[in-house]
Amino acid sequence: MSTPDNTFTLTGKDIVNVEYLSGSAKVSDGQPFELPPKVKPDGPGNFVITFTAGRHKTLAMAQGFIAAAGGSQYTLVVATSGDPIPNELNFYFGLNLTVRLPSGGRLDNIVIYLGQGSDGIHNNWWLGSPNLINVNRRAILVGTQSYVGTPSQPSRIAWRATAEMSTSGCSLSALSPTAPTAIKLLDVWGEGRIVVDQTVTGFCNSLNLNLEAQRISNGEDEGEPIPQQVPVFNFDFPYFPIPDHSVEFVTVMGAPIVAATAKEIVRVLDPVKGAVILYNIDPNSLAIWKQNKGNLIFKREPLDAPFDEISFPNVEVYRVPGAVNKLVDHDEL
């Protein structure tokens, strides 16, 4: 009996090249296979990947795939299986993608892994990557890029796309690398509204900037994905994937503030009516904030809903000079 060909099609208008990741292919013990998997361009942005390998599902293959892809159900996506992670797979292997950036440049460091199993009726494929974020039933693959001349800051998001799986392929649809250009409320290290006993934190309608692997840490939704999450990939150098001067209100609640976080808050804040509201910030973080806040001015002014609903007692407000809008009448938040 001949060894079967297993074919997967990857499409996306920004994809300019796909290469096998040398040494990444793993196949269940005792199964025949041929290396390397073949990658064939089939028109602009369309690549057909064929791996000739035997099919026998094992737990070891599933465990290896999960580990290679980031070690979490939130870094995997599948079309036909209802499972959050694969229980058994026939094989898996890695690919390196080169994509065209909106700026016209190229990014060639996006690694994905493909694994094949079955859903009981048909063979099906899984896609995983450390740069895949699968939350709220929406999978987004991102490409990151270091700042020029700053290799210690690796977390800038340069490209992202939704990943939609079929039984034998994946379509990557490019998104803007940044969040919307007009943002009412950004909660830095936020997790959404959480109520535990009489303690209230977070907001119902904020964008919540947090590490991509972070989940809700307490309350009745503990362990669930953070709603309306804006992912970052580094706590010490958290480049916000948000345009300059686009956020009206920025909040931080009881979380440490490092210099890079403070500078990013100032960068994204609306220079006409922006406000930064700090809840229960430790003295060291507050000192770092004051050193990096630019021309923002400490203000004593009343808070209204939703800002006055937060349980933390120590609140400081910083405004851009000349701002006339008040922190009241914002029930929409």
C-alpha atoms as a PDB file:
ATOM      1  CA  MET A   1       0.000   0.000   0.000  1.00  0.00           C
ATOM      2  CA  SER A   2       1.347   3.397  -0.977  1.00  0.00           C
ATOM      3  CA  THR A   3       1.871   6.114   1.622  1.00  0.00           C
ATOM      4  CA  PRO A   4      -0.978   8.661   1.413  1.00  0.00           C
ATOM      5  CA  ASP A   5      -0.561  12.273   0.429  1.00  0.00           C
ATOM      6  CA  ASN A   6      -2.044  14.686   2.986  1.00  0.00           C
ATOM      7  CA  THR A   7      -2.845  18.057   1.456  1.00  0.00           C
ATOM      8  CA  PHE A   8      -3.519  21.382   3.146  1.00  0.00           C
ATOM      9  CA  THR A   9      -4.176  24.699   1.395  1.00  0.00           C
ATOM     10  CA  LEU A  10      -3.111  28.005   2.933  1.00  0.00           C
ATOM     11  CA  THR A  11      -4.486  31.205   1.429  1.00  0.00           C
ATOM     12  CA  GLY A  12      -4.092  34.890   2.161  1.00  0.00           C
ATOM     13  CA  LYS A  13      -3.449  37.870  -0.077  1.00  0.00           C
ATOM     14  CA  ASP A  14      -0.516  39.024   2.120  1.00  0.00           C
ATOM     15  CA  ILE A  15       1.343  35.693   2.025  1.00  0.00           C
ATOM     16  CA  VAL A  16       4.325  35.864  -0.333  1.00  0.00           C
ATOM     17  CA  ASN A  17       6.237  32.734   0.688  1.00  0.00           C
ATOM     18  CA  VAL A  18       5.838  29.529   2.731  1.00  0.00           C
ATOM     19  CA  GLU A  19       8.760  27.297   3.719  1.00  0.00           C
ATOM     20  CA  TYR A  20       9.011  24.062   5.680  1.00  0.00           C
ATOM     21  CA  LEU A  21      10.590  24.571   9.106  1.00  0.00           C
ATOM     22  CA  SER A  22      13.567  22.240   8.973  1.00  0.00           C
ATOM     23  CA  GLY A  23      13.488  19.398  11.502  1.00  0.00           C
ATOM     24  CA  SER A  24       9.955  20.133  12.695  1.00  0.00           C
ATOM     25  CA  ALA A  25       8.053  17.159  11.225  1.00  0.00           C
ATOM     26  CA  LYS A  26       6.966  14.468  13.679  1.00  0.00           C
ATOM     27  CA  VAL A  27       5.055  11.319  12.752  1.00  0.00           C
ATOM     28  CA  SER A  28       3.534   8.583  14.917  1.00  0.00           C
ATOM     29  CA  ASP A  29       5.914   5.684  15.569  1.00  0.00           C
ATOM     30  CA  GLY A  30       6.005   3.059  12.852  1.00  0.00           C
ATOM     31  CA  GLN A  31       4.414   5.234  10.155  1.00  0.00           C
ATOM     32  CA  PRO A  32       6.160   5.905   6.818  1.00  0.00           C
ATOM     33  CA  PHE A  33       6.772   9.478   5.688  1.00  0.00           C
ATOM     34  CA  GLU A  34       8.724  11.523   3.166  1.00  0.00           C
ATOM     35  CA  LEU A  35      10.625  14.729   3.933  1.00  0.00           C
ATOM     36  CA  PRO A  36      10.305  17.555   3.411  1.00  0.00           C
ATOM     37  CA  PRO A  37       6.624  18.373   3.047  1.00  0.00           C
ATOM     38  CA  LYS A  38       6.154  19.876  -0.402  1.00  0.00           C
ATOM     39  CA  VAL A  39       5.038  23.508  -0.702  1.00  0.00           C
ATOM     40  CA  LYS A  40       3.625  24.523  -4.088  1.00  0.00           C
ATOM     41  CA  PRO A  41       2.487  28.064  -4.957  1.00  0.00           C
ATOM     42  CA  ASP A  42      -0.872  27.957  -6.711  1.00  0.00           C
ATOM     43  CA  GLY A  43      -1.541  31.542  -7.696  1.00  0.00           C
ATOM     44  CA  PRO A  44      -1.014  34.764  -5.699  1.00  0.00           C
ATOM     45  CA  GLY A  45      -1.402  34.185  -1.966  1.00  0.00           C
ATOM     46  CA  ASN A  46      -2.328  30.518  -2.408  1.00  0.00           C
ATOM     47  CA  PHE A  47      -0.048  27.678  -1.273  1.00  0.00           C
ATOM     48  CA  VAL A  48      -0.706  23.942  -1.390  1.00  0.00           C
ATOM     49  CA  ILE A  49       1.224  21.937   1.222  1.00  0.00           C
ATOM     50  CA  THR A  50       1.484  18.184   0.748  1.00  0.00           C
ATOM     51  CA  PHE A  51       2.967  15.848   3.368  1.00  0.00           C
ATOM     52  CA  THR A  52       3.325  12.222   2.386  1.00  0.00           C
ATOM     53  CA  ALA A  53       2.894  10.304   5.633  1.00  0.00           C
ATOM     54  CA  GLY A  54       1.046   7.391   7.181  1.00  0.00           C
ATOM     55  CA  ARG A  55      -2.003   8.008   9.348  1.00  0.00           C
ATOM     56  CA  HIS A  56      -2.119   6.616  12.851  1.00  0.00           C
ATOM     57  CA  LYS A  57      -3.323   8.814  15.707  1.00  0.00           C
ATOM     58  CA  THR A  58      -1.377   8.908  18.981  1.00  0.00           C
ATOM     59  CA  LEU A  59      -1.416  10.973  22.145  1.00  0.00           C
ATOM     60  CA  ALA A  60       2.307  11.702  21.766  1.00  0.00           C
ATOM     61  CA  MET A  61       1.717  13.545  18.484  1.00  0.00           C
ATOM     62  CA  ALA A  62      -1.046  15.655  20.011  1.00  0.00           C
ATOM     63  CA  GLN A  63       1.085  16.555  23.017  1.00  0.00           C
ATOM     64  CA  GLY A  64       4.043  17.500  20.824  1.00  0.00           C
ATOM     65  CA  PHE A  65       1.890  19.643  18.575  1.00  0.00           C
ATOM     66  CA  ILE A  66       0.316  21.503  21.499  1.00  0.00           C
ATOM     67  CA  ALA A  67       3.737  22.197  23.022  1.00  0.00           C
ATOM     68  CA  ALA A  68       5.214  23.407  19.721  1.00  0.00           C
ATOM     69  CA  ALA A  69       2.214  25.644  19.067  1.00  0.00           C
ATOM     70  CA  GLY A  70       2.395  27.464  22.379  1.00  0.00           C
ATOM     71  CA  GLY A  71       1.067  25.014  24.941  1.00  0.00           C
ATOM     72  CA  SER A  72      -2.469  26.377  25.236  1.00  0.00           C
ATOM     73  CA  GLN A  73      -5.941  25.851  23.815  1.00  0.00           C
ATOM     74  CA  TYR A  74      -5.894  29.577  23.018  1.00  0.00           C
ATOM     75  CA  THR A  75      -3.090  29.083  20.471  1.00  0.00           C
ATOM     76  CA  LEU A  76      -4.910  26.420  18.434  1.00  0.00           C
ATOM     77  CA  VAL A  77      -7.747  26.428  15.922  1.00  0.00           C
ATOM     78  CA  VAL A  78      -9.621  23.610  14.167  1.00  0.00           C
ATOM     79  CA  ALA A  79     -12.572  23.481  11.794  1.00  0.00           C
ATOM     80  CA  THR A  80     -14.601  20.351  12.496  1.00  0.00           C
ATOM     81  CA  SER A  81     -13.711  19.120  15.974  1.00  0.00           C
ATOM     82  CA  GLY A  82     -15.541  20.394  19.021  1.00  0.00           C
ATOM     83  CA  ASP A  83     -12.516  19.799  21.239  1.00  0.00           C
ATOM     84  CA  PRO A  84     -10.439  22.766  22.475  1.00  0.00           C
ATOM     85  CA  ILE A  85      -7.251  20.735  21.990  1.00  0.00           C
ATOM     86  CA  PRO A  86      -6.507  17.572  19.979  1.00  0.00           C
ATOM     87  CA  ASN A  87      -6.523  14.305  21.889  1.00  0.00           C
ATOM     88  CA  GLU A  88      -4.591  12.381  19.243  1.00  0.00           C
ATOM     89  CA  LEU A  89      -2.901  13.313  15.955  1.00  0.00           C
ATOM     90  CA  ASN A  90      -1.313  11.455  13.058  1.00  0.00           C
ATOM     91  CA  PHE A  91       1.559  13.907  12.635  1.00  0.00           C
ATOM     92  CA  TYR A  92       2.506  17.581  12.757  1.00  0.00           C
ATOM     93  CA  PHE A  93       5.083  19.901  11.194  1.00  0.00           C
ATOM     94  CA  GLY A  94       6.038  23.583  11.120  1.00  0.00           C
ATOM     95  CA  LEU A  95       6.017  26.232   8.416  1.00  0.00           C
ATOM     96  CA  ASN A  96       7.599  29.672   8.225  1.00  0.00           C
ATOM     97  CA  LEU A  97       5.449  32.351   6.585  1.00  0.00           C
ATOM     98  CA  THR A  98       6.611  35.526   4.881  1.00  0.00           C
ATOM     99  CA  VAL A  99       3.900  38.174   4.641  1.00  0.00           C
ATOM    100  CA  ARG A 100       3.642  41.581   3.017  1.00  0.00           C
ATOM    101  CA  LEU A 101       3.130  44.401   5.521  1.00  0.00           C
ATOM    102  CA  PRO A 102       0.721  47.320   5.060  1.00  0.00           C
ATOM    103  CA  SER A 103       3.782  49.589   4.934  1.00  0.00           C
ATOM    104  CA  GLY A 104       5.094  47.679   1.922  1.00  0.00           C
ATOM    105  CA  GLY A 105       7.856  45.832   3.755  1.00  0.00           C
ATOM    106  CA  ARG A 106       7.953  42.132   4.558  1.00  0.00           C
ATOM    107  CA  LEU A 107       7.865  40.065   7.720  1.00  0.00           C
ATOM    108  CA  ASP A 108       9.395  36.603   7.590  1.00  0.00           C
ATOM    109  CA  ASN A 109       9.257  35.294  11.155  1.00  0.00           C
ATOM    110  CA  ILE A 110       5.697  33.940  11.469  1.00  0.00           C
ATOM    111  CA  VAL A 111       5.880  30.268  12.418  1.00  0.00           C
ATOM    112  CA  ILE A 112       2.779  28.068  12.307  1.00  0.00           C
ATOM    113  CA  TYR A 113       2.292  24.357  12.946  1.00  0.00           C
ATOM    114  CA  LEU A 114      -0.096  22.047  11.139  1.00  0.00           C
ATOM    115  CA  GLY A 115      -1.329  18.811  12.670  1.00  0.00           C
ATOM    116  CA  GLN A 116      -3.672  16.183  11.257  1.00  0.00           C
ATOM    117  CA  GLY A 117      -6.135  14.059  13.176  1.00  0.00           C
ATOM    118  CA  SER A 118      -9.709  12.990  12.510  1.00  0.00           C
ATOM    119  CA  ASP A 119     -13.146  13.903  13.785  1.00  0.00           C
ATOM    120  CA  GLY A 120     -14.467  10.355  13.653  1.00  0.00           C
ATOM    121  CA  ILE A 121     -15.568  10.585  10.032  1.00  0.00           C
ATOM    122  CA  HIS A 122     -12.954  12.585   8.140  1.00  0.00           C
ATOM    123  CA  ASN A 123      -9.327  13.483   8.561  1.00  0.00           C
ATOM    124  CA  ASN A 124      -9.135  17.039   9.808  1.00  0.00           C
ATOM    125  CA  TRP A 125      -6.417  19.597  10.351  1.00  0.00           C
ATOM    126  CA  TRP A 126      -5.372  21.729  13.293  1.00  0.00           C
ATOM    127  CA  LEU A 127      -3.401  24.968  13.025  1.00  0.00           C
ATOM    128  CA  GLY A 128      -1.402  26.306  15.954  1.00  0.00           C
ATOM    129  CA  SER A 129       1.180  28.981  16.642  1.00  0.00           C
ATOM    130  CA  PRO A 130       2.657  30.841  19.617  1.00  0.00           C
ATOM    131  CA  ASN A 131       1.436  33.937  17.744  1.00  0.00           C
ATOM    132  CA  LEU A 132      -2.153  32.715  17.407  1.00  0.00           C
ATOM    133  CA  ILE A 133      -4.799  34.157  19.725  1.00  0.00           C
ATOM    134  CA  ASN A 134      -8.039  32.147  19.712  1.00  0.00           C
ATOM    135  CA  VAL A 135     -10.536  33.772  22.083  1.00  0.00           C
ATOM    136  CA  ASN A 136     -14.251  34.463  21.910  1.00  0.00           C
ATOM    137  CA  ARG A 137     -14.462  32.095  18.900  1.00  0.00           C
ATOM    138  CA  ARG A 138     -12.216  34.359  16.848  1.00  0.00           C
ATOM    139  CA  ALA A 139      -8.705  33.252  15.909  1.00  0.00           C
ATOM    140  CA  ILE A 140      -6.151  35.924  15.039  1.00  0.00           C
ATOM    141  CA  LEU A 141      -2.618  35.249  13.840  1.00  0.00           C
ATOM    142  CA  VAL A 142      -0.171  38.085  14.483  1.00  0.00           C
ATOM    143  CA  GLY A 143       3.312  38.959  13.314  1.00  0.00           C
ATOM    144  CA  THR A 144       5.605  40.928  15.589  1.00  0.00           C
ATOM    145  CA  GLN A 145       8.530  43.159  14.751  1.00  0.00           C
ATOM    146  CA  SER A 146      11.306  44.681  16.868  1.00  0.00           C
ATOM    147  CA  TYR A 147      11.778  48.415  17.000  1.00  0.00           C
ATOM    148  CA  VAL A 148      14.658  49.474  14.773  1.00  0.00           C
ATOM    149  CA  GLY A 149      17.790  49.621  16.898  1.00  0.00           C
ATOM    150  CA  THR A 150      15.970  48.316  19.984  1.00  0.00           C
ATOM    151  CA  PRO A 151      16.269  44.517  20.002  1.00  0.00           C
ATOM    152  CA  SER A 152      15.219  44.365  23.664  1.00  0.00           C
ATOM    153  CA  GLN A 153      11.698  45.483  22.708  1.00  0.00           C
ATOM    154  CA  PRO A 154      10.277  42.656  20.566  1.00  0.00           C
ATOM    155  CA  SER A 155       6.576  43.211  20.975  1.00  0.00           C
ATOM    156  CA  ARG A 156       5.398  45.571  18.236  1.00  0.00           C
ATOM    157  CA  ILE A 157       2.499  44.085  16.256  1.00  0.00           C
ATOM    158  CA  ALA A 158       3.215  44.692  12.570  1.00  0.00           C
ATOM    159  CA  TRP A 159       0.654  42.378  10.937  1.00  0.00           C
ATOM    160  CA  ARG A 160      -2.394  40.401  11.955  1.00  0.00           C
ATOM    161  CA  ALA A 161      -5.096  38.361  10.251  1.00  0.00           C
ATOM    162  CA  THR A 162      -8.115  36.271  11.140  1.00  0.00           C
ATOM    163  CA  ALA A 163      -7.617  32.538  10.641  1.00  0.00           C
ATOM    164  CA  GLU A 164     -10.631  30.654   9.294  1.00  0.00           C
ATOM    165  CA  MET A 165     -10.268  26.889   9.029  1.00  0.00           C
ATOM    166  CA  SER A 166     -11.890  24.389   6.703  1.00  0.00           C
ATOM    167  CA  THR A 167     -11.432  20.627   6.814  1.00  0.00           C
ATOM    168  CA  SER A 168      -8.384  20.864   4.543  1.00  0.00           C
ATOM    169  CA  GLY A 169      -7.159  24.432   4.640  1.00  0.00           C
ATOM    170  CA  CYS A 170      -6.959  27.842   6.258  1.00  0.00           C
ATOM    171  CA  SER A 171      -7.725  31.318   4.964  1.00  0.00           C
ATOM    172  CA  LEU A 172      -5.884  34.282   6.490  1.00  0.00           C
ATOM    173  CA  SER A 173      -7.754  37.585   6.104  1.00  0.00           C
ATOM    174  CA  ALA A 174      -5.586  40.575   6.946  1.00  0.00           C
ATOM    175  CA  LEU A 175      -6.701  43.101   9.539  1.00  0.00           C
ATOM    176  CA  SER A 176      -5.325  46.491  10.415  1.00  0.00           C
ATOM    177  CA  PRO A 177      -2.306  45.936  12.705  1.00  0.00           C
ATOM    178  CA  THR A 178      -3.781  48.404  15.154  1.00  0.00           C
ATOM    179  CA  ALA A 179      -6.990  48.718  17.121  1.00  0.00           C
ATOM    180  CA  PRO A 180      -9.751  51.177  16.096  1.00  0.00           C
ATOM    181  CA  THR A 181      -8.643  54.778  15.638  1.00  0.00           C
ATOM    182  CA  ALA A 182     -11.152  56.304  18.095  1.00  0.00           C
ATOM    183  CA  ILE A 183     -11.272  54.573  21.465  1.00  0.00           C
ATOM    184  CA  LYS A 184     -13.350  55.824  24.357  1.00  0.00           C
ATOM    185  CA  LEU A 185     -11.868  53.781  27.230  1.00  0.00           C
ATOM    186  CA  LEU A 186      -8.725  51.649  27.443  1.00  0.00           C
ATOM    187  CA  ASP A 187      -8.138  49.721  30.683  1.00  0.00           C
ATOM    188  CA  VAL A 188      -4.437  48.845  30.851  1.00  0.00           C
ATOM    189  CA  TRP A 189      -3.959  45.316  32.275  1.00  0.00           C
ATOM    190  CA  GLY A 190      -7.755  45.193  32.493  1.00  0.00           C
ATOM    191  CA  GLU A 191      -9.897  42.040  32.451  1.00  0.00           C
ATOM    192  CA  GLY A 192     -13.391  43.518  32.091  1.00  0.00           C
ATOM    193  CA  ARG A 193     -15.950  44.048  34.844  1.00  0.00           C
ATOM    194  CA  ILE A 194     -15.311  41.742  37.823  1.00  0.00           C
ATOM    195  CA  VAL A 195     -17.424  41.713  40.981  1.00  0.00           C
ATOM    196  CA  VAL A 196     -16.228  39.650  43.963  1.00  0.00           C
ATOM    197  CA  ASP A 197     -18.273  40.091  47.146  1.00  0.00           C
ATOM    198  CA  GLN A 198     -18.461  43.893  47.440  1.00  0.00           C
ATOM    199  CA  THR A 199     -15.336  44.623  45.358  1.00  0.00           C
ATOM    200  CA  VAL A 200     -15.819  45.992  41.846  1.00  0.00           C
ATOM    201  CA  THR A 201     -13.022  46.295  39.281  1.00  0.00           C
ATOM    202  CA  GLY A 202     -12.935  46.823  35.539  1.00  0.00           C
ATOM    203  CA  PHE A 203     -15.536  48.099  33.109  1.00  0.00           C
ATOM    204  CA  CYS A 204     -18.304  46.618  31.010  1.00  0.00           C
ATOM    205  CA  ASN A 205     -17.440  48.358  27.745  1.00  0.00           C
ATOM    206  CA  SER A 206     -13.708  49.074  27.849  1.00  0.00           C
ATOM    207  CA  LEU A 207     -11.025  47.720  25.582  1.00  0.00           C
ATOM    208  CA  ASN A 208      -8.819  45.660  27.880  1.00  0.00           C
ATOM    209  CA  LEU A 209      -5.110  45.695  27.136  1.00  0.00           C
ATOM    210  CA  ASN A 210      -3.384  42.644  28.572  1.00  0.00           C
ATOM    211  CA  LEU A 211      -0.854  39.923  27.839  1.00  0.00           C
ATOM    212  CA  GLU A 212      -2.159  37.658  25.094  1.00  0.00           C
ATOM    213  CA  ALA A 213      -2.086  34.577  27.330  1.00  0.00           C
ATOM    214  CA  GLN A 214      -3.797  36.256  30.287  1.00  0.00           C
ATOM    215  CA  ARG A 215      -7.267  35.093  31.310  1.00  0.00           C
ATOM    216  CA  ILE A 216      -9.769  36.522  33.778  1.00  0.00           C
ATOM    217  CA  SER A 217      -8.077  36.041  37.144  1.00  0.00           C
ATOM    218  CA  ASN A 218     -11.013  35.931  39.582  1.00  0.00           C
ATOM    219  CA  GLY A 219     -14.771  36.203  39.918  1.00  0.00           C
ATOM    220  CA  GLU A 220     -17.439  33.979  38.395  1.00  0.00           C
ATOM    221  CA  ASP A 221     -15.708  34.039  34.979  1.00  0.00           C
ATOM    222  CA  GLU A 222     -12.264  33.097  36.294  1.00  0.00           C
ATOM    223  CA  GLY A 223     -10.224  31.344  33.626  1.00  0.00           C
ATOM    224  CA  GLU A 224     -12.356  32.619  30.758  1.00  0.00           C
ATOM    225  CA  PRO A 225     -10.996  34.798  27.911  1.00  0.00           C
ATOM    226  CA  ILE A 226     -10.781  38.516  28.613  1.00  0.00           C
ATOM    227  CA  PRO A 227     -13.577  40.373  26.788  1.00  0.00           C
ATOM    228  CA  GLN A 228     -12.594  42.926  24.141  1.00  0.00           C
ATOM    229  CA  GLN A 229      -8.934  42.115  24.701  1.00  0.00           C
ATOM    230  CA  VAL A 230      -6.157  44.122  23.049  1.00  0.00           C
ATOM    231  CA  PRO A 231      -3.196  41.718  23.241  1.00  0.00           C
ATOM    232  CA  VAL A 232       0.405  42.628  23.992  1.00  0.00           C
ATOM    233  CA  PHE A 233       3.320  40.229  24.243  1.00  0.00           C
ATOM    234  CA  ASN A 234       5.723  41.726  26.760  1.00  0.00           C
ATOM    235  CA  PHE A 235       5.040  43.223  30.199  1.00  0.00           C
ATOM    236  CA  ASP A 236       8.227  45.301  30.422  1.00  0.00           C
ATOM    237  CA  PHE A 237       7.991  46.642  26.855  1.00  0.00           C
ATOM    238  CA  PRO A 238       4.255  46.503  26.103  1.00  0.00           C
ATOM    239  CA  TYR A 239       3.917  48.219  22.741  1.00  0.00           C
ATOM    240  CA  PHE A 240       0.209  49.079  22.526  1.00  0.00           C
ATOM    241  CA  PRO A 241      -1.202  48.117  19.085  1.00  0.00           C
ATOM    242  CA  ILE A 242      -3.156  51.382  19.121  1.00  0.00           C
ATOM    243  CA  PRO A 243      -2.658  54.545  17.026  1.00  0.00           C
ATOM    244  CA  ASP A 244      -1.222  57.722  18.502  1.00  0.00           C
ATOM    245  CA  HIS A 245      -3.615  60.159  20.213  1.00  0.00           C
ATOM    246  CA  SER A 246      -6.658  57.899  19.817  1.00  0.00           C
ATOM    247  CA  VAL A 247      -7.864  57.159  23.386  1.00  0.00           C
ATOM    248  CA  GLU A 248     -10.009  59.512  25.444  1.00  0.00           C
ATOM    249  CA  PHE A 249      -9.777  57.707  28.806  1.00  0.00           C
ATOM    250  CA  VAL A 250      -6.999  55.403  30.033  1.00  0.00           C
ATOM    251  CA  THR A 251      -7.278  53.578  33.350  1.00  0.00           C
ATOM    252  CA  VAL A 252      -4.867  51.459  35.406  1.00  0.00           C
ATOM    253  CA  MET A 253      -6.082  49.555  38.464  1.00  0.00           C
ATOM    254  CA  GLY A 254      -3.664  48.325  41.106  1.00  0.00           C
ATOM    255  CA  ALA A 255      -1.148  47.106  38.534  1.00  0.00           C
ATOM    256  CA  PRO A 256       2.566  47.969  38.403  1.00  0.00           C
ATOM    257  CA  ILE A 257       3.551  50.701  35.965  1.00  0.00           C
ATOM    258  CA  VAL A 258       6.929  50.483  34.223  1.00  0.00           C
ATOM    259  CA  ALA A 259       8.452  53.307  32.199  1.00  0.00           C
ATOM    260  CA  ALA A 260       7.517  51.774  28.841  1.00  0.00           C
ATOM    261  CA  THR A 261       3.878  51.418  29.925  1.00  0.00           C
ATOM    262  CA  ALA A 262       3.747  55.044  31.051  1.00  0.00           C
ATOM    263  CA  LYS A 263       5.195  56.244  27.746  1.00  0.00           C
ATOM    264  CA  GLU A 264       2.706  54.180  25.761  1.00  0.00           C
ATOM    265  CA  ILE A 265      -0.194  55.600  27.768  1.00  0.00           C
ATOM    266  CA  VAL A 266       0.983  59.131  26.964  1.00  0.00           C
ATOM    267  CA  ARG A 267       1.458  58.233  23.286  1.00  0.00           C
ATOM    268  CA  VAL A 268      -2.056  56.907  22.737  1.00  0.00           C
ATOM    269  CA  LEU A 269      -3.856  59.549  24.832  1.00  0.00           C
ATOM    270  CA  ASP A 270      -6.042  62.117  23.074  1.00  0.00           C
ATOM    271  CA  PRO A 271      -4.039  65.395  23.281  1.00  0.00           C
ATOM    272  CA  VAL A 272      -7.188  67.557  23.455  1.00  0.00           C
ATOM    273  CA  LYS A 273      -9.496  65.834  25.927  1.00  0.00           C
ATOM    274  CA  GLY A 274      -7.557  62.832  27.245  1.00  0.00           C
ATOM    275  CA  ALA A 275      -7.603  61.709  30.879  1.00  0.00           C
ATOM    276  CA  VAL A 276      -5.608  59.081  32.767  1.00  0.00           C
ATOM    277  CA  ILE A 277      -7.223  57.630  35.895  1.00  0.00           C
ATOM    278  CA  LEU A 278      -4.971  55.656  38.251  1.00  0.00           C
ATOM    279  CA  TYR A 279      -6.546  53.483  40.931  1.00  0.00           C
ATOM    280  CA  ASN A 280      -4.564  52.283  43.945  1.00  0.00           C
ATOM    281  CA  ILE A 281      -1.126  52.492  42.319  1.00  0.00           C
ATOM    282  CA  ASP A 282       1.860  51.564  44.491  1.00  0.00           C
ATOM    283  CA  PRO A 283       4.337  54.371  45.371  1.00  0.00           C
ATOM    284  CA  ASN A 284       7.148  53.073  43.158  1.00  0.00           C
ATOM    285  CA  SER A 285       4.867  52.793  40.127  1.00  0.00           C
ATOM    286  CA  LEU A 286       3.417  56.224  40.834  1.00  0.00           C
ATOM    287  CA  ALA A 287       6.919  57.698  40.899  1.00  0.00           C
ATOM    288  CA  ILE A 288       7.718  56.045  37.554  1.00  0.00           C
ATOM    289  CA  TRP A 289       4.459  57.391  36.143  1.00  0.00           C
ATOM    290  CA  LYS A 290       5.272  60.951  37.231  1.00  0.00           C
ATOM    291  CA  GLN A 291       8.710  60.727  35.642  1.00  0.00           C
ATOM    292  CA  ASN A 292       7.211  59.708  32.280  1.00  0.00           C
ATOM    293  CA  LYS A 293       3.816  61.440  32.127  1.00  0.00           C
ATOM    294  CA  GLY A 294       4.994  64.296  29.923  1.00  0.00           C
ATOM    295  CA  ASN A 295       2.901  67.431  30.261  1.00  0.00           C
ATOM    296  CA  LEU A 296      -0.111  65.764  31.884  1.00  0.00           C
ATOM    297  CA  ILE A 297      -1.400  67.630  34.938  1.00  0.00           C
ATOM    298  CA  PHE A 298      -2.708  66.187  38.205  1.00  0.00           C
ATOM    299  CA  LYS A 299      -6.354  67.212  38.666  1.00  0.00           C
ATOM    300  CA  ARG A 300      -8.833  66.989  41.507  1.00  0.00           C
ATOM    301  CA  GLU A 301     -12.229  66.535  39.924  1.00  0.00           C
ATOM    302  CA  PRO A 302     -15.344  64.493  40.637  1.00  0.00           C
ATOM    303  CA  LEU A 303     -15.847  61.074  39.068  1.00  0.00           C
ATOM    304  CA  ASP A 304     -19.145  59.780  37.738  1.00  0.00           C
ATOM    305  CA  ALA A 305     -20.225  56.393  36.420  1.00  0.00           C
ATOM    306  CA  PRO A 306     -18.497  54.199  35.532  1.00  0.00           C
ATOM    307  CA  PHE A 307     -15.314  55.630  37.031  1.00  0.00           C
ATOM    308  CA  ASP A 308     -16.773  56.033  40.537  1.00  0.00           C
ATOM    309  CA  GLU A 309     -17.978  52.400  40.613  1.00  0.00           C
ATOM    310  CA  ILE A 310     -14.474  51.011  41.146  1.00  0.00           C
ATOM    311  CA  SER A 311     -13.803  49.887  44.717  1.00  0.00           C
ATOM    312  CA  PHE A 312     -10.179  51.036  45.011  1.00  0.00           C
ATOM    313  CA  PRO A 313     -10.028  54.028  47.391  1.00  0.00           C
ATOM    314  CA  ASN A 314      -6.919  55.873  46.158  1.00  0.00           C
ATOM    315  CA  VAL A 315      -7.581  57.564  42.816  1.00  0.00           C
ATOM    316  CA  GLU A 316      -5.462  60.079  40.912  1.00  0.00           C
ATOM    317  CA  VAL A 317      -6.548  61.820  37.706  1.00  0.00           C
ATOM    318  CA  TYR A 318      -4.182  63.332  35.152  1.00  0.00           C
ATOM    319  CA  ARG A 319      -5.417  65.517  32.293  1.00  0.00           C
ATOM    320  CA  VAL A 320      -3.945  67.130  29.227  1.00  0.00           C
ATOM    321  CA  PRO A 321      -3.494  70.875  29.707  1.00  0.00           C
ATOM    322  CA  GLY A 322      -6.604  72.847  28.823  1.00  0.00           C
ATOM    323  CA  ALA A 323      -8.969  69.853  28.723  1.00  0.00           C
ATOM    324  CA  VAL A 324     -12.517  71.004  29.384  1.00  0.00           C
ATOM    325  CA  ASN A 325     -14.498  67.752  29.166  1.00  0.00           C
ATOM    326  CA  LYS A 326     -15.534  66.291  32.522  1.00  0.00           C
ATOM    327  CA  LEU A 327     -15.354  62.781  33.904  1.00  0.00           C
ATOM    328  CA  VAL A 328     -19.134  62.710  34.229  1.00  0.00           C
ATOM    329  CA  ASP A 329     -22.058  61.648  32.062  1.00  0.00           C
ATOM    330  CA  HIS A 330     -20.355  58.628  30.545  1.00  0.00           C
ATOM    331  CA  ASP A 331     -23.021  56.017  31.164  1.00  0.00           C
ATOM    332  CA  GLU A 332     -22.221  54.453  27.795  1.00  0.00           C
ATOM    333  CA  LEU A 333     -19.052  53.027  29.370  1.00  0.00           C
END
